[in-house]
Amino acid sequence: MLNNETFPQTTQLNIEIDDDTKSESSIEYDYTNPLSVSLSTNHIHVSIATIYLQDEQWHQLELFIKHFSLYVSLSNNLNVTSSTTHLLVDDSSHPFQCNFSKKIFQAVARHIFIVSIRWIEECLLQNEIIDETPYKIHGDETMKTMHLTCYTSINTLFSSSILFAIDCTSFQRVLTRNDLIELVILSNAKLFDPEQQKSIEIQSKLLLVLVDPRVDRYQLEIKYKQWYKNVKFLTPGFLLKSIIYQKQQPFEDFEL
């Protein structure tokens, strides 16, 4: 759950867990020659990144990759990249729910499919790459009525009058400064360029400075004094929650 003003201080983002101690009963598949596999015209190629998978689920994924080898591959180092089309999530404990993590934020920002492991199970059972829509992850327990992302919907989250400055080295030891910069860019937002700070046009913008929640606000005000009232100091939770909900969040919920 992404809380409002309490999120940055008290709630740790869920770091990816390599906990493969759980197991599930195996599923029997009807293995056929991959050449006879049906493929939806919606899929040119499927590139999969993963998160939170258990031992048996890794086995299922391996079968999926081998069975549909003409159409499916693993994303580079299992990371979410520009070529990734699907992020595969273990939701066996809480169907269609997941904990938020770096890969989840990246996947939502890139507008790729975030889907349950049950999608590949059903693909194997039906011997075709089926529509993943019924298997989309909703989010955490507070997001049961919505999906995290829509592949065909790319919204402009932030007004063109907004600039972002990332003035922190990391957030909750999970997202680095470069990660946050990437998320800003993926959101089609603009980054502050210190070389242009004296420009009249630039100074007419609203500068949102993402900072560590524990930073001294007085020092920040000195550092950005040329912006006067056109600056707001926010925790990175503002950016993250805006991405998750695909809607700009209220400044006051994350302001220092």
Protein backbone atom coordinates (compact mmCIF):
# COMPACT_ATOMS: atom_id res chain seq x y z
CA MET A 1 0.00 0.00 0.00
CA LEU A 2 1.24 3.47 -0.86
CA ASN A 3 0.20 5.72 1.97
CA ASN A 4 0.09 9.48 1.56
CA GLU A 5 2.36 11.54 3.80
CA THR A 6 3.21 8.49 5.92
CA PHE A 7 4.44 6.43 2.97
CA PRO A 8 7.98 7.81 2.69
CA GLN A 9 8.67 7.76 6.43
CA THR A 10 7.13 4.55 7.66
CA THR A 11 6.47 2.19 4.79
CA GLN A 12 9.38 0.41 3.16
CA LEU A 13 9.05 -0.50 -0.49
CA ASN A 14 9.00 -4.24 -0.81
CA ILE A 15 12.39 -5.37 -2.06
CA GLU A 16 12.44 -8.28 -4.47
CA ILE A 17 12.69 -11.55 -2.53
CA ASP A 18 14.55 -14.57 -3.79
CA ASP A 19 12.49 -16.85 -1.56
CA ASP A 20 12.00 -20.09 -3.45
CA THR A 21 11.21 -22.25 -0.44
CA LYS A 22 7.53 -22.69 -1.24
CA SER A 23 6.28 -25.27 -3.70
CA GLU A 24 3.07 -25.96 -5.52
CA SER A 25 1.61 -29.16 -6.89
CA SER A 26 2.88 -29.74 -10.39
CA ILE A 27 0.59 -29.29 -13.38
CA GLU A 28 0.46 -31.76 -16.24
CA TYR A 29 0.72 -30.14 -19.65
CA ASP A 30 -0.03 -31.46 -23.10
CA TYR A 31 3.37 -30.93 -24.73
CA THR A 32 3.24 -30.51 -28.48
CA ASN A 33 5.64 -29.42 -31.15
CA PRO A 34 6.12 -25.61 -30.84
CA LEU A 35 5.48 -25.29 -34.58
CA SER A 36 1.83 -26.19 -34.01
CA VAL A 37 1.34 -23.58 -31.32
CA SER A 38 -1.28 -20.90 -31.90
CA LEU A 39 -0.23 -17.29 -31.48
CA SER A 40 -2.46 -14.27 -31.14
CA THR A 41 -1.84 -11.58 -33.75
CA ASN A 42 -1.54 -9.13 -30.84
CA HIS A 43 1.80 -10.63 -29.92
CA ILE A 44 4.79 -10.14 -32.19
CA HIS A 45 7.21 -11.27 -29.49
CA VAL A 46 6.88 -11.74 -25.74
CA SER A 47 9.80 -10.67 -23.56
CA ILE A 48 9.38 -11.61 -19.91
CA ALA A 49 10.84 -10.16 -16.71
CA THR A 50 10.03 -11.79 -13.38
CA ILE A 51 9.56 -11.06 -9.71
CA TYR A 52 8.78 -13.13 -6.59
CA LEU A 53 8.76 -16.52 -8.32
CA GLN A 54 8.93 -19.80 -6.41
CA ASP A 55 10.77 -22.98 -7.45
CA GLU A 56 7.81 -24.63 -9.13
CA GLN A 57 6.91 -21.40 -10.87
CA TRP A 58 10.43 -21.11 -12.26
CA HIS A 59 9.96 -24.62 -13.62
CA GLN A 60 6.69 -23.56 -15.26
CA LEU A 61 8.40 -20.53 -16.77
CA GLU A 62 11.18 -22.69 -18.20
CA LEU A 63 8.56 -24.95 -19.78
CA PHE A 64 6.77 -21.90 -21.17
CA ILE A 65 9.95 -20.49 -22.71
CA LYS A 66 10.88 -23.82 -24.28
CA HIS A 67 7.38 -24.60 -25.50
CA PHE A 68 6.86 -21.19 -27.13
CA SER A 69 10.51 -20.63 -28.00
CA LEU A 70 9.65 -19.15 -31.40
CA TYR A 71 7.70 -16.33 -29.79
CA VAL A 72 8.92 -15.92 -26.21
CA SER A 73 12.19 -15.03 -24.49
CA LEU A 74 13.41 -13.79 -21.14
CA SER A 75 14.14 -10.11 -20.72
CA ASN A 76 17.82 -9.21 -20.36
CA ASN A 77 18.90 -10.32 -16.85
CA LEU A 78 15.18 -10.59 -16.04
CA ASN A 79 15.09 -6.80 -15.73
CA VAL A 80 12.37 -4.46 -16.95
CA THR A 81 13.78 -2.79 -20.05
CA SER A 82 12.53 -1.01 -23.16
CA SER A 83 12.05 -4.38 -24.88
CA THR A 84 10.18 -6.06 -22.00
CA THR A 85 6.52 -6.79 -22.73
CA HIS A 86 5.44 -8.66 -19.58
CA LEU A 87 6.35 -8.69 -15.90
CA LEU A 88 5.44 -12.03 -14.36
CA VAL A 89 4.37 -12.01 -10.69
CA ASP A 90 3.68 -14.70 -8.11
CA ASP A 91 0.23 -13.86 -6.75
CA SER A 92 -0.55 -17.32 -5.34
CA SER A 93 -1.00 -16.02 -1.78
CA HIS A 94 -3.14 -13.02 -2.76
CA PRO A 95 -4.69 -13.39 -6.23
CA PHE A 96 -4.16 -10.40 -8.53
CA GLN A 97 -2.21 -8.53 -5.85
CA CYS A 98 1.48 -7.77 -5.41
CA ASN A 99 3.85 -5.82 -3.22
CA PHE A 100 5.32 -2.69 -4.72
CA SER A 101 8.96 -2.85 -5.74
CA LYS A 102 11.41 -1.32 -8.16
CA LYS A 103 10.33 -3.57 -11.03
CA ILE A 104 6.65 -2.84 -10.44
CA PHE A 105 7.23 0.92 -10.69
CA GLN A 106 9.35 0.47 -13.80
CA ALA A 107 6.75 -1.78 -15.42
CA VAL A 108 3.89 0.63 -14.72
CA ALA A 109 5.93 3.58 -16.01
CA ARG A 110 6.72 1.64 -19.19
CA HIS A 111 3.06 0.60 -19.61
CA ILE A 112 3.83 -3.09 -19.95
CA PHE A 113 1.69 -6.01 -18.86
CA ILE A 114 2.01 -7.01 -15.19
CA VAL A 115 0.46 -10.45 -15.03
CA SER A 116 -0.11 -13.40 -12.73
CA ILE A 117 1.94 -16.59 -13.03
CA ARG A 118 -1.38 -18.25 -13.83
CA TRP A 119 -1.26 -16.71 -17.29
CA ILE A 120 1.64 -18.93 -18.40
CA GLU A 121 0.02 -21.95 -16.72
CA GLU A 122 -3.11 -21.41 -18.77
CA CYS A 123 -1.10 -20.81 -21.95
CA LEU A 124 0.55 -24.20 -21.48
CA LEU A 125 -2.74 -25.91 -20.76
CA GLN A 126 -4.39 -24.45 -23.85
CA ASN A 127 -1.30 -24.80 -26.04
CA GLU A 128 -1.45 -21.18 -27.16
CA ILE A 129 -0.44 -17.75 -25.96
CA ILE A 130 -3.79 -16.51 -24.73
CA ASP A 131 -5.04 -13.03 -23.92
CA GLU A 132 -3.37 -11.86 -20.72
CA THR A 133 -6.08 -9.32 -19.80
CA PRO A 134 -7.91 -11.60 -17.31
CA TYR A 135 -4.60 -12.20 -15.52
CA LYS A 136 -3.52 -8.60 -15.02
CA ILE A 137 -2.34 -7.68 -11.51
CA HIS A 138 -4.53 -5.09 -9.77
CA GLY A 139 -1.91 -3.78 -7.36
CA ASP A 140 -1.82 -4.08 -3.59
CA GLU A 141 -4.81 -4.77 -1.34
CA THR A 142 -6.12 -1.21 -1.79
CA MET A 143 -6.36 -1.50 -5.58
CA LYS A 144 -8.76 -4.42 -6.08
CA THR A 145 -10.97 -2.52 -8.52
CA MET A 146 -8.28 -1.33 -10.94
CA HIS A 147 -5.33 -2.63 -12.89
CA LEU A 148 -1.82 -1.33 -12.38
CA THR A 149 -1.32 -0.41 -15.99
CA CYS A 150 -2.82 -0.53 -19.45
CA TYR A 151 -0.56 -1.39 -22.34
CA THR A 152 -2.32 0.88 -24.83
CA SER A 153 -2.84 3.84 -22.51
CA ILE A 154 0.02 6.30 -22.21
CA ASN A 155 -1.05 9.30 -20.19
CA THR A 156 0.75 12.56 -19.56
CA LEU A 157 0.97 12.49 -15.78
CA PHE A 158 2.42 15.92 -15.15
CA SER A 159 1.74 19.38 -16.52
CA SER A 160 4.26 20.86 -18.96
CA SER A 161 4.74 23.67 -16.44
CA ILE A 162 6.40 21.24 -14.00
CA LEU A 163 10.11 20.46 -13.74
CA PHE A 164 11.66 17.73 -11.57
CA ALA A 165 14.94 17.89 -9.69
CA ILE A 166 16.18 14.74 -7.98
CA ASP A 167 18.08 15.89 -4.90
CA CYS A 168 18.57 12.58 -3.12
CA THR A 169 20.95 9.66 -3.61
CA SER A 170 18.30 6.98 -3.12
CA PHE A 171 14.86 6.27 -1.72
CA GLN A 172 14.39 3.65 0.99
CA ARG A 173 17.59 1.96 -0.21
CA VAL A 174 15.65 0.42 -3.10
CA LEU A 175 15.48 3.08 -5.80
CA THR A 176 18.67 4.94 -6.71
CA ARG A 177 18.81 8.51 -7.94
CA ASN A 178 19.25 7.17 -11.48
CA ASP A 179 16.17 4.98 -11.02
CA LEU A 180 14.12 8.02 -10.03
CA ILE A 181 15.47 10.00 -12.99
CA GLU A 182 14.48 7.15 -15.30
CA LEU A 183 10.95 7.11 -13.84
CA VAL A 184 10.61 10.86 -14.38
CA ILE A 185 11.66 10.48 -18.02
CA LEU A 186 9.38 7.48 -18.55
CA SER A 187 6.50 9.59 -17.21
CA ASN A 188 7.17 12.09 -20.02
CA ALA A 189 8.02 14.70 -17.42
CA LYS A 190 10.85 17.22 -17.70
CA LEU A 191 14.04 17.26 -15.66
CA PHE A 192 15.50 20.48 -14.30
CA ASP A 193 18.66 21.61 -16.10
CA PRO A 194 20.82 23.76 -13.79
CA GLU A 195 22.44 25.35 -16.86
CA GLN A 196 19.10 26.93 -17.76
CA GLN A 197 18.03 28.02 -14.30
CA LYS A 198 18.43 31.74 -15.08
CA SER A 199 16.10 31.50 -18.05
CA ILE A 200 12.90 33.52 -17.59
CA GLU A 201 10.92 30.69 -19.14
CA ILE A 202 12.47 28.12 -16.78
CA GLN A 203 11.86 30.27 -13.71
CA SER A 204 8.19 30.49 -14.62
CA LYS A 205 7.93 26.73 -14.16
CA LEU A 206 7.04 24.94 -10.94
CA LEU A 207 10.10 23.08 -9.68
CA LEU A 208 9.40 19.85 -7.80
CA VAL A 209 12.47 18.77 -5.86
CA LEU A 210 12.41 15.14 -4.75
CA VAL A 211 14.36 14.82 -1.52
CA ASP A 212 15.12 12.48 1.35
CA PRO A 213 12.34 12.79 3.98
CA ARG A 214 14.99 13.45 6.65
CA VAL A 215 16.66 16.36 4.90
CA ASP A 216 16.86 19.84 6.46
CA ARG A 217 14.24 21.97 4.74
CA TYR A 218 16.04 25.19 5.69
CA GLN A 219 19.13 24.09 3.77
CA LEU A 220 16.98 23.24 0.79
CA GLU A 221 15.37 26.68 0.83
CA ILE A 222 18.81 28.28 0.73
CA LYS A 223 19.93 26.04 -2.11
CA TYR A 224 16.85 26.79 -4.21
CA LYS A 225 16.21 30.35 -3.05
CA GLN A 226 16.14 31.71 -6.63
CA TRP A 227 12.90 29.85 -7.18
CA TYR A 228 11.10 31.66 -4.37
CA LYS A 229 7.52 30.39 -4.27
CA ASN A 230 7.86 28.30 -7.41
CA VAL A 231 9.45 25.34 -5.66
CA LYS A 232 8.07 22.46 -3.67
CA PHE A 233 10.11 19.92 -1.71
CA LEU A 234 8.50 16.50 -1.96
CA THR A 235 9.45 12.99 -0.99
CA PRO A 236 9.85 10.55 -3.92
CA GLY A 237 6.60 8.94 -2.82
CA PHE A 238 4.86 11.68 -4.81
CA LEU A 239 6.37 10.45 -8.06
CA LEU A 240 5.85 6.77 -7.24
CA LYS A 241 2.22 7.06 -6.23
CA SER A 242 1.48 9.26 -9.25
CA ILE A 243 2.94 6.54 -11.47
CA ILE A 244 1.03 3.73 -9.76
CA TYR A 245 -2.31 5.53 -10.05
CA GLN A 246 -1.43 7.14 -13.40
CA LYS A 247 -2.60 10.44 -11.96
CA GLN A 248 -0.74 13.34 -10.39
CA GLN A 249 -1.13 13.20 -6.61
CA PRO A 250 -1.74 16.16 -4.26
CA PHE A 251 1.50 17.95 -3.39
CA GLU A 252 0.52 18.42 0.25
CA ASP A 253 0.44 14.67 0.86
CA PHE A 254 4.20 14.44 0.26
CA GLU A 255 5.50 17.91 1.03
CA LEU A 256 8.17 18.41 3.70
